[in-house]
Amino acid sequence: MRKLLSRSAVPLLALAAGLGVMAASSPAHAWWHGYYGPRVFFGPSVVFAPPVVLGPPVVYAPPPVYAPAPVYAGQGCYAGAYVCPLERATPAGGSCSCPVTGNTRVYGSAR
């Protein structure tokens, strides 16, 4: 059988292999893993984000709507400075009266 390596080449080859392994290795990580055994990876790590808590929804209320005073569409009695609605139908130009303070009435004409 043929001799492959001489006895003096074996230590040199082992030294070269050791230097190659040290040059190719990554630096050690400087944190604690929590135990002294080999670290086994069982799959991707799942990280859950904290729940997002929102406040109540913002609701903008429209400004209040003020309705105009109702327009009187019926007949009215025009008695000088007083105008009042007629209690019963009266022909235009007919006589009518508007109540004022107490039992006093002011007479005018219907329109």
Protein backbone atom coordinates (compact mmCIF):
# COMPACT_ATOMS: atom_id res chain seq x y z
CA MET A 1 0.00 0.00 0.00
CA ARG A 2 1.20 3.42 -0.84
CA LYS A 3 1.83 6.05 1.82
CA LEU A 4 -0.41 9.13 1.32
CA LEU A 5 1.01 11.62 3.85
CA SER A 6 4.23 11.80 5.72
CA ARG A 7 4.25 12.08 9.48
CA SER A 8 5.45 15.70 9.41
CA ALA A 9 2.62 16.82 7.07
CA VAL A 10 -0.22 15.67 9.38
CA PRO A 11 0.29 18.38 12.06
CA LEU A 12 0.63 21.05 9.41
CA LEU A 13 -2.56 19.87 7.72
CA ALA A 14 -4.43 19.85 11.07
CA LEU A 15 -3.18 23.38 11.84
CA ALA A 16 -4.32 24.64 8.44
CA ALA A 17 -7.75 23.01 8.86
CA GLY A 18 -8.14 24.56 12.34
CA LEU A 19 -7.20 28.02 11.08
CA GLY A 20 -9.66 27.66 8.19
CA VAL A 21 -12.48 26.73 10.55
CA MET A 22 -11.69 29.65 12.87
CA ALA A 23 -11.52 32.11 9.95
CA ALA A 24 -14.87 30.95 8.51
CA SER A 25 -16.82 30.89 11.78
CA SER A 26 -19.11 33.72 12.90
CA PRO A 27 -18.49 35.63 16.13
CA ALA A 28 -20.19 34.43 19.29
CA HIS A 29 -23.45 36.08 20.28
CA ALA A 30 -23.27 37.82 23.64
CA TRP A 31 -26.66 37.09 25.16
CA TRP A 32 -28.04 34.43 27.43
CA HIS A 33 -30.26 31.74 25.90
CA GLY A 34 -31.56 30.54 29.24
CA TYR A 35 -29.93 27.11 29.37
CA TYR A 36 -26.67 25.30 28.74
CA GLY A 37 -27.79 22.81 26.12
CA PRO A 38 -27.98 22.82 22.36
CA ARG A 39 -30.60 25.16 20.97
CA VAL A 40 -33.20 23.34 18.90
CA PHE A 41 -35.29 25.28 16.40
CA PHE A 42 -38.85 23.93 16.01
CA GLY A 43 -40.26 26.32 13.42
CA PRO A 44 -40.90 29.99 12.83
CA SER A 45 -41.42 32.13 15.88
CA VAL A 46 -44.86 33.66 16.16
CA VAL A 47 -45.07 37.13 17.66
CA PHE A 48 -48.45 38.60 18.48
CA ALA A 49 -48.86 42.36 18.52
CA PRO A 50 -50.67 43.93 21.48
CA PRO A 51 -54.35 44.63 20.86
CA VAL A 52 -55.19 48.03 19.46
CA VAL A 53 -57.69 49.84 21.66
CA LEU A 54 -59.62 52.63 20.04
CA GLY A 55 -61.83 55.16 21.79
CA PRO A 56 -65.47 55.72 20.95
CA PRO A 57 -66.16 56.83 17.40
CA VAL A 58 -66.10 60.55 16.80
CA VAL A 59 -69.53 61.76 15.77
CA TYR A 60 -70.09 65.29 14.61
CA ALA A 61 -73.67 66.36 15.18
CA PRO A 62 -75.09 68.84 12.71
CA PRO A 63 -76.00 72.24 14.09
CA PRO A 64 -79.58 72.59 15.33
CA VAL A 65 -82.10 73.60 12.73
CA TYR A 66 -84.49 76.30 13.72
CA ALA A 67 -87.74 76.19 11.79
CA PRO A 68 -89.23 79.51 10.88
CA ALA A 69 -92.52 80.49 12.45
CA PRO A 70 -95.44 78.90 10.62
CA VAL A 71 -97.01 81.14 8.04
CA TYR A 72 -100.69 81.67 8.64
CA ALA A 73 -102.43 80.75 5.41
CA GLY A 74 -106.00 81.39 6.54
CA GLN A 75 -107.98 84.61 6.77
CA GLY A 76 -107.03 87.27 9.24
CA CYS A 77 -108.75 90.18 10.94
CA TYR A 78 -106.87 93.44 10.57
CA ALA A 79 -107.95 95.77 13.39
CA GLY A 80 -105.63 98.78 13.43
CA ALA A 81 -102.37 97.73 15.17
CA TYR A 82 -103.75 94.23 15.87
CA VAL A 83 -103.92 91.24 13.51
CA CYS A 84 -105.55 88.00 14.60
CA PRO A 85 -106.80 84.82 12.86
CA LEU A 86 -110.49 84.54 12.20
CA GLU A 87 -112.40 81.96 14.23
CA ARG A 88 -114.92 81.31 11.43
CA ALA A 89 -114.97 82.00 7.70
CA THR A 90 -115.85 85.60 6.85
CA PRO A 91 -116.04 87.18 3.39
CA ALA A 92 -113.14 89.48 2.49
CA GLY A 93 -113.86 93.03 3.63
CA GLY A 94 -116.45 91.88 6.20
CA SER A 95 -116.37 93.12 9.77
CA CYS A 96 -114.48 91.20 12.48
CA SER A 97 -112.87 91.83 15.86
CA CYS A 98 -109.63 90.91 17.65
CA PRO A 99 -109.51 90.28 21.42
CA VAL A 100 -107.06 92.40 23.39
CA THR A 101 -106.40 92.69 27.17
CA GLY A 102 -109.27 91.71 29.39
CA ASN A 103 -112.66 91.46 27.69
CA THR A 104 -111.96 94.32 25.29
CA ARG A 105 -112.23 93.75 21.51
CA VAL A 106 -110.93 95.91 18.68
CA TYR A 107 -112.97 95.90 15.45
CA GLY A 108 -111.49 95.74 11.95
CA SER A 109 -112.00 94.13 8.54
CA ALA A 110 -111.32 90.60 7.27
CA ARG A 111 -108.87 90.01 4.45
